[in-house]
């Protein structure tokens, strides 16, 4: 397994963990957004631009969800 594959494995694992824990707090939603951004970078780096694009969109959606949830909790 090379460094790029390890990076992708880390990104996808972080996405899974943060998604599973989203109901525990808005910080997990922010973590999910960050992990989606990492997944997007991985997709573009490996040459799978459709995956990179979709993950970038998920990152934006998650950031918006984080903002809304944070405002509701304030």
PDB file of N, CA and C in Angstrom:
ATOM      1  N   UNK A   1       0.856  -1.177   0.000  1.00  0.00           N
ATOM      2  CA  UNK A   1       0.000   0.000   0.000  1.00  0.00           C
ATOM      3  C   UNK A   1       0.901   1.240   0.000  1.00  0.00           C
ATOM      4  N   UNK A   2       0.668   2.127  -0.954  1.00  0.00           N
ATOM      5  CA  UNK A   2       1.495   3.333  -1.033  1.00  0.00           C
ATOM      6  C   UNK A   2       0.885   4.472  -0.207  1.00  0.00           C
ATOM      7  N   UNK A   3       1.586   5.603  -0.176  1.00  0.00           N
ATOM      8  CA  UNK A   3       1.159   6.735   0.649  1.00  0.00           C
ATOM      9  C   UNK A   3      -0.193   7.284   0.211  1.00  0.00           C
ATOM     10  N   UNK A   4      -0.439   7.324  -1.088  1.00  0.00           N
ATOM     11  CA  UNK A   4      -1.719   7.840  -1.575  1.00  0.00           C
ATOM     12  C   UNK A   4      -2.879   6.944  -1.143  1.00  0.00           C
ATOM     13  N   UNK A   5      -2.685   5.654  -1.200  1.00  0.00           N
ATOM     14  CA  UNK A   5      -3.735   4.736  -0.755  1.00  0.00           C
ATOM     15  C   UNK A   5      -3.978   4.863   0.746  1.00  0.00           C
ATOM     16  N   UNK A   6      -2.922   5.040   1.524  1.00  0.00           N
ATOM     17  CA  UNK A   6      -3.084   5.237   2.972  1.00  0.00           C
ATOM     18  C   UNK A   6      -3.847   6.526   3.264  1.00  0.00           C
ATOM     19  N   UNK A   7      -3.537   7.561   2.498  1.00  0.00           N
ATOM     20  CA  UNK A   7      -4.246   8.830   2.642  1.00  0.00           C
ATOM     21  C   UNK A   7      -5.734   8.644   2.349  1.00  0.00           C
ATOM     22  N   UNK A   8      -6.056   7.942   1.280  1.00  0.00           N
ATOM     23  CA  UNK A   8      -7.447   7.679   0.932  1.00  0.00           C
ATOM     24  C   UNK A   8      -8.153   6.843   1.987  1.00  0.00           C
ATOM     25  N   UNK A   9      -7.461   5.837   2.497  1.00  0.00           N
ATOM     26  CA  UNK A   9      -8.036   5.006   3.556  1.00  0.00           C
ATOM     27  C   UNK A   9      -8.331   5.840   4.796  1.00  0.00           C
ATOM     28  N   UNK A  10      -7.411   6.716   5.159  1.00  0.00           N
ATOM     29  CA  UNK A  10      -7.627   7.593   6.311  1.00  0.00           C
ATOM     30  C   UNK A  10      -8.839   8.498   6.083  1.00  0.00           C
ATOM     31  N   UNK A  11      -8.924   9.112   4.898  1.00  0.00           N
ATOM     32  CA  UNK A  11     -10.021  10.030   4.602  1.00  0.00           C
ATOM     33  C   UNK A  11     -11.376   9.331   4.678  1.00  0.00           C
ATOM     34  N   UNK A  12     -11.487   8.176   4.069  1.00  0.00           N
ATOM     35  CA  UNK A  12     -12.763   7.461   4.049  1.00  0.00           C
ATOM     36  C   UNK A  12     -13.122   6.934   5.439  1.00  0.00           C
ATOM     37  N   UNK A  13     -12.134   6.484   6.187  1.00  0.00           N
ATOM     38  CA  UNK A  13     -12.386   6.015   7.556  1.00  0.00           C
ATOM     39  C   UNK A  13     -12.856   7.166   8.438  1.00  0.00           C
ATOM     40  N   UNK A  14     -12.217   8.323   8.303  1.00  0.00           N
ATOM     41  CA  UNK A  14     -12.635   9.504   9.074  1.00  0.00           C
ATOM     42  C   UNK A  14     -14.053   9.913   8.705  1.00  0.00           C
ATOM     43  N   UNK A  15     -14.406   9.842   7.418  1.00  0.00           N
ATOM     44  CA  UNK A  15     -15.767  10.160   6.995  1.00  0.00           C
ATOM     45  C   UNK A  15     -16.773   9.223   7.662  1.00  0.00           C
ATOM     46  N   UNK A  16     -16.473   7.953   7.657  1.00  0.00           N
ATOM     47  CA  UNK A  16     -17.376   6.962   8.240  1.00  0.00           C
ATOM     48  C   UNK A  16     -17.573   7.201   9.737  1.00  0.00           C
ATOM     49  N   UNK A  17     -16.478   7.424  10.446  1.00  0.00           N
ATOM     50  CA  UNK A  17     -16.557   7.630  11.898  1.00  0.00           C
ATOM     51  C   UNK A  17     -17.330   8.904  12.224  1.00  0.00           C
ATOM     52  N   UNK A  18     -16.988   9.989  11.552  1.00  0.00           N
ATOM     53  CA  UNK A  18     -17.673  11.258  11.831  1.00  0.00           C
ATOM     54  C   UNK A  18     -19.149  11.183  11.460  1.00  0.00           C
ATOM     55  N   UNK A  19     -19.475  10.528  10.362  1.00  0.00           N
ATOM     56  CA  UNK A  19     -20.872  10.388   9.964  1.00  0.00           C
ATOM     57  C   UNK A  19     -21.653   9.580  11.009  1.00  0.00           C
ATOM     58  N   UNK A  20     -21.044   8.531  11.516  1.00  0.00           N
ATOM     59  CA  UNK A  20     -21.716   7.694  12.509  1.00  0.00           C
ATOM     60  C   UNK A  20     -21.955   8.433  13.817  1.00  0.00           C
ATOM     61  N   UNK A  21     -21.112   9.416  14.122  1.00  0.00           N
ATOM     62  CA  UNK A  21     -21.204  10.127  15.401  1.00  0.00           C
ATOM     63  C   UNK A  21     -21.845  11.506  15.291  1.00  0.00           C
ATOM     64  N   UNK A  22     -22.400  11.855  14.140  1.00  0.00           N
ATOM     65  CA  UNK A  22     -22.955  13.192  13.932  1.00  0.00           C
ATOM     66  C   UNK A  22     -23.999  13.597  14.958  1.00  0.00           C
ATOM     67  N   UNK A  23     -24.804  12.665  15.435  1.00  0.00           N
ATOM     68  CA  UNK A  23     -25.862  12.999  16.391  1.00  0.00           C
ATOM     69  C   UNK A  23     -25.313  13.386  17.760  1.00  0.00           C
ATOM     70  N   UNK A  24     -24.040  13.129  18.004  1.00  0.00           N
ATOM     71  CA  UNK A  24     -23.439  13.446  19.308  1.00  0.00           C
ATOM     72  C   UNK A  24     -22.986  14.892  19.423  1.00  0.00           C
ATOM     73  N   UNK A  25     -22.926  15.595  18.317  1.00  0.00           N
ATOM     74  CA  UNK A  25     -22.533  16.999  18.399  1.00  0.00           C
ATOM     75  C   UNK A  25     -22.169  17.572  17.045  1.00  0.00           C
ATOM     76  N   UNK A  26     -22.235  18.899  16.981  1.00  0.00           N
ATOM     77  CA  UNK A  26     -21.973  19.560  15.706  1.00  0.00           C
ATOM     78  C   UNK A  26     -20.514  19.474  15.287  1.00  0.00           C
ATOM     79  N   UNK A  27     -19.602  19.200  16.202  1.00  0.00           N
ATOM     80  CA  UNK A  27     -18.190  19.080  15.841  1.00  0.00           C
ATOM     81  C   UNK A  27     -17.948  17.863  14.948  1.00  0.00           C
ATOM     82  N   UNK A  28     -18.761  16.826  15.093  1.00  0.00           N
ATOM     83  CA  UNK A  28     -18.619  15.663  14.218  1.00  0.00           C
ATOM     84  C   UNK A  28     -19.055  15.987  12.791  1.00  0.00           C
ATOM     85  N   UNK A  29     -20.017  16.901  12.654  1.00  0.00           N
ATOM     86  CA  UNK A  29     -20.425  17.330  11.319  1.00  0.00           C
ATOM     87  C   UNK A  29     -19.282  18.098  10.660  1.00  0.00           C
ATOM     88  N   UNK A  30     -18.616  18.948  11.449  1.00  0.00           N
ATOM     89  CA  UNK A  30     -17.459  19.661  10.917  1.00  0.00           C
ATOM     90  C   UNK A  30     -16.342  18.679  10.558  1.00  0.00           C
ATOM     91  N   UNK A  31     -16.153  17.668  11.389  1.00  0.00           N
ATOM     92  CA  UNK A  31     -15.162  16.636  11.075  1.00  0.00           C
ATOM     93  C   UNK A  31     -15.512  15.892   9.798  1.00  0.00           C
ATOM     94  N   UNK A  32     -16.796  15.624   9.601  1.00  0.00           N
ATOM     95  CA  UNK A  32     -17.243  14.974   8.380  1.00  0.00           C
ATOM     96  C   UNK A  32     -16.952  15.851   7.163  1.00  0.00           C
ATOM     97  N   UNK A  33     -17.187  17.145   7.298  1.00  0.00           N
ATOM     98  CA  UNK A  33     -16.894  18.069   6.199  1.00  0.00           C
ATOM     99  C   UNK A  33     -15.408  18.052   5.865  1.00  0.00           C
ATOM    100  N   UNK A  34     -14.570  18.078   6.888  1.00  0.00           N
ATOM    101  CA  UNK A  34     -13.130  18.028   6.661  1.00  0.00           C
ATOM    102  C   UNK A  34     -12.697  16.721   6.027  1.00  0.00           C
ATOM    103  N   UNK A  35     -13.281  15.632   6.481  1.00  0.00           N
ATOM    104  CA  UNK A  35     -12.943  14.328   5.909  1.00  0.00           C
ATOM    105  C   UNK A  35     -13.407  14.235   4.456  1.00  0.00           C
ATOM    106  N   UNK A  36     -14.536  14.845   4.143  1.00  0.00           N
ATOM    107  CA  UNK A  36     -14.990  14.883   2.745  1.00  0.00           C
ATOM    108  C   UNK A  36     -14.014  15.686   1.893  1.00  0.00           C
ATOM    109  N   UNK A  37     -13.490  16.771   2.438  1.00  0.00           N
ATOM    110  CA  UNK A  37     -12.495  17.559   1.712  1.00  0.00           C
ATOM    111  C   UNK A  37     -11.240  16.725   1.465  1.00  0.00           C
ATOM    112  N   UNK A  38     -10.833  15.945   2.462  1.00  0.00           N
ATOM    113  CA  UNK A  38      -9.684  15.051   2.272  1.00  0.00           C
ATOM    114  C   UNK A  38      -9.998  13.992   1.219  1.00  0.00           C
ATOM    115  N   UNK A  39     -11.215  13.463   1.258  1.00  0.00           N
ATOM    116  CA  UNK A  39     -11.627  12.480   0.257  1.00  0.00           C
ATOM    117  C   UNK A  39     -11.631  13.086  -1.136  1.00  0.00           C
ATOM    118  N   UNK A  40     -12.035  14.337  -1.229  1.00  0.00           N
ATOM    119  CA  UNK A  40     -12.018  15.029  -2.509  1.00  0.00           C
ATOM    120  C   UNK A  40     -10.587  15.163  -3.024  1.00  0.00           C
ATOM    121  N   UNK A  41      -9.689  15.580  -2.146  1.00  0.00           N
ATOM    122  CA  UNK A  41      -8.279  15.699  -2.544  1.00  0.00           C
ATOM    123  C   UNK A  41      -7.744  14.349  -3.014  1.00  0.00           C
ATOM    124  N   UNK A  42      -8.091  13.300  -2.299  1.00  0.00           N
ATOM    125  CA  UNK A  42      -7.670  11.960  -2.692  1.00  0.00           C
ATOM    126  C   UNK A  42      -8.183  11.603  -4.083  1.00  0.00           C
ATOM    127  N   UNK A  43      -9.445  11.875  -4.331  1.00  0.00           N
ATOM    128  CA  UNK A  43     -10.026  11.571  -5.637  1.00  0.00           C
ATOM    129  C   UNK A  43      -9.304  12.284  -6.763  1.00  0.00           C
ATOM    130  N   UNK A  44      -9.035  13.575  -6.575  1.00  0.00           N
ATOM    131  CA  UNK A  44      -8.326  14.323  -7.611  1.00  0.00           C
ATOM    132  C   UNK A  44      -6.888  13.835  -7.761  1.00  0.00           C
ATOM    133  N   UNK A  45      -6.225  13.531  -6.640  1.00  0.00           N
ATOM    134  CA  UNK A  45      -4.831  13.071  -6.706  1.00  0.00           C
ATOM    135  C   UNK A  45      -4.685  11.733  -7.424  1.00  0.00           C
ATOM    136  N   UNK A  46      -5.665  10.876  -7.284  1.00  0.00           N
ATOM    137  CA  UNK A  46      -5.560   9.573  -7.933  1.00  0.00           C
ATOM    138  C   UNK A  46      -6.113   9.585  -9.356  1.00  0.00           C
ATOM    139  N   UNK A  47      -6.660  10.727  -9.754  1.00  0.00           N
ATOM    140  CA  UNK A  47      -7.138  10.851 -11.125  1.00  0.00           C
ATOM    141  C   UNK A  47      -8.603  10.532 -11.317  1.00  0.00           C
ATOM    142  N   UNK A  48      -9.324  10.312 -10.234  1.00  0.00           N
ATOM    143  CA  UNK A  48     -10.755  10.024 -10.310  1.00  0.00           C
ATOM    144  C   UNK A  48     -11.515  11.327 -10.050  1.00  0.00           C
ATOM    145  N   UNK A  49     -11.502  12.225 -11.035  1.00  0.00           N
ATOM    146  CA  UNK A  49     -12.081  13.536 -10.818  1.00  0.00           C
ATOM    147  C   UNK A  49     -13.578  13.521 -10.502  1.00  0.00           C
ATOM    148  N   UNK A  50     -14.392  12.580 -11.020  1.00  0.00           N
ATOM    149  CA  UNK A  50     -15.807  12.579 -10.601  1.00  0.00           C
ATOM    150  C   UNK A  50     -15.956  12.338  -9.093  1.00  0.00           C
ATOM    151  N   UNK A  51     -15.150  11.423  -8.546  1.00  0.00           N
ATOM    152  CA  UNK A  51     -15.175  11.171  -7.105  1.00  0.00           C
ATOM    153  C   UNK A  51     -14.733  12.421  -6.352  1.00  0.00           C
ATOM    154  N   UNK A  52     -13.670  13.058  -6.823  1.00  0.00           N
ATOM    155  CA  UNK A  52     -13.186  14.276  -6.189  1.00  0.00           C
ATOM    156  C   UNK A  52     -14.221  15.380  -6.198  1.00  0.00           C
ATOM    157  N   UNK A  53     -14.926  15.516  -7.295  1.00  0.00           N
ATOM    158  CA  UNK A  53     -15.953  16.547  -7.414  1.00  0.00           C
ATOM    159  C   UNK A  53     -17.124  16.281  -6.473  1.00  0.00           C
ATOM    160  N   UNK A  54     -17.598  15.053  -6.440  1.00  0.00           N
ATOM    161  CA  UNK A  54     -18.727  14.713  -5.569  1.00  0.00           C
ATOM    162  C   UNK A  54     -18.347  14.882  -4.098  1.00  0.00           C
ATOM    163  N   UNK A  55     -17.152  14.489  -3.731  1.00  0.00           N
ATOM    164  CA  UNK A  55     -16.718  14.663  -2.339  1.00  0.00           C
ATOM    165  C   UNK A  55     -16.594  16.137  -1.979  1.00  0.00           C
ATOM    166  N   UNK A  56     -16.170  16.974  -2.933  1.00  0.00           N
ATOM    167  CA  UNK A  56     -16.102  18.418  -2.682  1.00  0.00           C
ATOM    168  C   UNK A  56     -17.495  18.980  -2.424  1.00  0.00           C
ATOM    169  N   UNK A  57     -18.475  18.506  -3.185  1.00  0.00           N
ATOM    170  CA  UNK A  57     -19.861  18.938  -2.982  1.00  0.00           C
ATOM    171  C   UNK A  57     -20.348  18.492  -1.608  1.00  0.00           C
ATOM    172  N   UNK A  58     -20.039  17.247  -1.212  1.00  0.00           N
ATOM    173  CA  UNK A  58     -20.429  16.761   0.107  1.00  0.00           C
ATOM    174  C   UNK A  58     -19.798  17.606   1.204  1.00  0.00           C
ATOM    175  N   UNK A  59     -18.564  18.052   0.998  1.00  0.00           N
ATOM    176  CA  UNK A  59     -17.894  18.900   1.989  1.00  0.00           C
ATOM    177  C   UNK A  59     -18.652  20.217   2.165  1.00  0.00           C
ATOM    178  N   UNK A  60     -19.085  20.819   1.059  1.00  0.00           N
ATOM    179  CA  UNK A  60     -19.843  22.071   1.135  1.00  0.00           C
ATOM    180  C   UNK A  60     -21.191  21.848   1.828  1.00  0.00           C
ATOM    181  N   UNK A  61     -21.878  20.773   1.473  1.00  0.00           N
ATOM    182  CA  UNK A  61     -23.167  20.451   2.108  1.00  0.00           C
ATOM    183  C   UNK A  61     -22.981  20.249   3.610  1.00  0.00           C
ATOM    184  N   UNK A  62     -21.949  19.521   3.998  1.00  0.00           N
ATOM    185  CA  UNK A  62     -21.701  19.273   5.423  1.00  0.00           C
ATOM    186  C   UNK A  62     -21.345  20.560   6.155  1.00  0.00           C
ATOM    187  N   UNK A  63     -20.590  21.448   5.523  1.00  0.00           N
ATOM    188  CA  UNK A  63     -20.279  22.738   6.158  1.00  0.00           C
ATOM    189  C   UNK A  63     -21.543  23.547   6.404  1.00  0.00           C
ATOM    190  N   UNK A  64     -22.452  23.529   5.443  1.00  0.00           N
ATOM    191  CA  UNK A  64     -23.731  24.235   5.640  1.00  0.00           C
ATOM    192  C   UNK A  64     -24.533  23.599   6.776  1.00  0.00           C
ATOM    193  N   UNK A  65     -24.541  22.271   6.841  1.00  0.00           N
ATOM    194  CA  UNK A  65     -25.254  21.583   7.932  1.00  0.00           C
ATOM    195  C   UNK A  65     -24.628  21.920   9.273  1.00  0.00           C
ATOM    196  N   UNK A  66     -23.301  22.001   9.321  1.00  0.00           N
ATOM    197  CA  UNK A  66     -22.602  22.343  10.560  1.00  0.00           C
ATOM    198  C   UNK A  66     -22.989  23.749  11.026  1.00  0.00           C
ATOM    199  N   UNK A  67     -23.019  24.697  10.074  1.00  0.00           N
ATOM    200  CA  UNK A  67     -23.380  26.062  10.428  1.00  0.00           C
ATOM    201  C   UNK A  67     -24.776  26.138  11.001  1.00  0.00           C
ATOM    202  N   UNK A  68     -25.727  25.448  10.371  1.00  0.00           N
ATOM    203  CA  UNK A  68     -27.113  25.455  10.847  1.00  0.00           C
ATOM    204  C   UNK A  68     -27.205  24.809  12.226  1.00  0.00           C
ATOM    205  N   UNK A  69     -26.584  23.665  12.406  1.00  0.00           N
ATOM    206  CA  UNK A  69     -26.645  22.960  13.695  1.00  0.00           C
ATOM    207  C   UNK A  69     -26.002  23.795  14.801  1.00  0.00           C
ATOM    208  N   UNK A  70     -24.880  24.449  14.483  1.00  0.00           N
ATOM    209  CA  UNK A  70     -24.180  25.272  15.477  1.00  0.00           C
ATOM    210  C   UNK A  70     -25.047  26.430  15.906  1.00  0.00           C
ATOM    211  N   UNK A  71     -25.758  27.041  14.972  1.00  0.00           N
ATOM    212  CA  UNK A  71     -26.648  28.158  15.308  1.00  0.00           C
ATOM    213  C   UNK A  71     -27.835  27.707  16.148  1.00  0.00           C
ATOM    214  N   UNK A  72     -28.328  26.508  15.885  1.00  0.00           N
ATOM    215  CA  UNK A  72     -29.444  25.990  16.683  1.00  0.00           C
ATOM    216  C   UNK A  72     -29.031  25.697  18.117  1.00  0.00           C
ATOM    217  N   UNK A  73     -27.774  25.317  18.303  1.00  0.00           N
ATOM    218  CA  UNK A  73     -27.303  24.954  19.646  1.00  0.00           C
ATOM    219  C   UNK A  73     -26.871  26.190  20.449  1.00  0.00           C
ATOM    220  N   UNK A  74     -26.718  27.330  19.781  1.00  0.00           N
ATOM    221  CA  UNK A  74     -26.263  28.547  20.481  1.00  0.00           C
ATOM    222  C   UNK A  74     -27.389  29.232  21.215  1.00  0.00           C
TER     223      UNK A  74
END
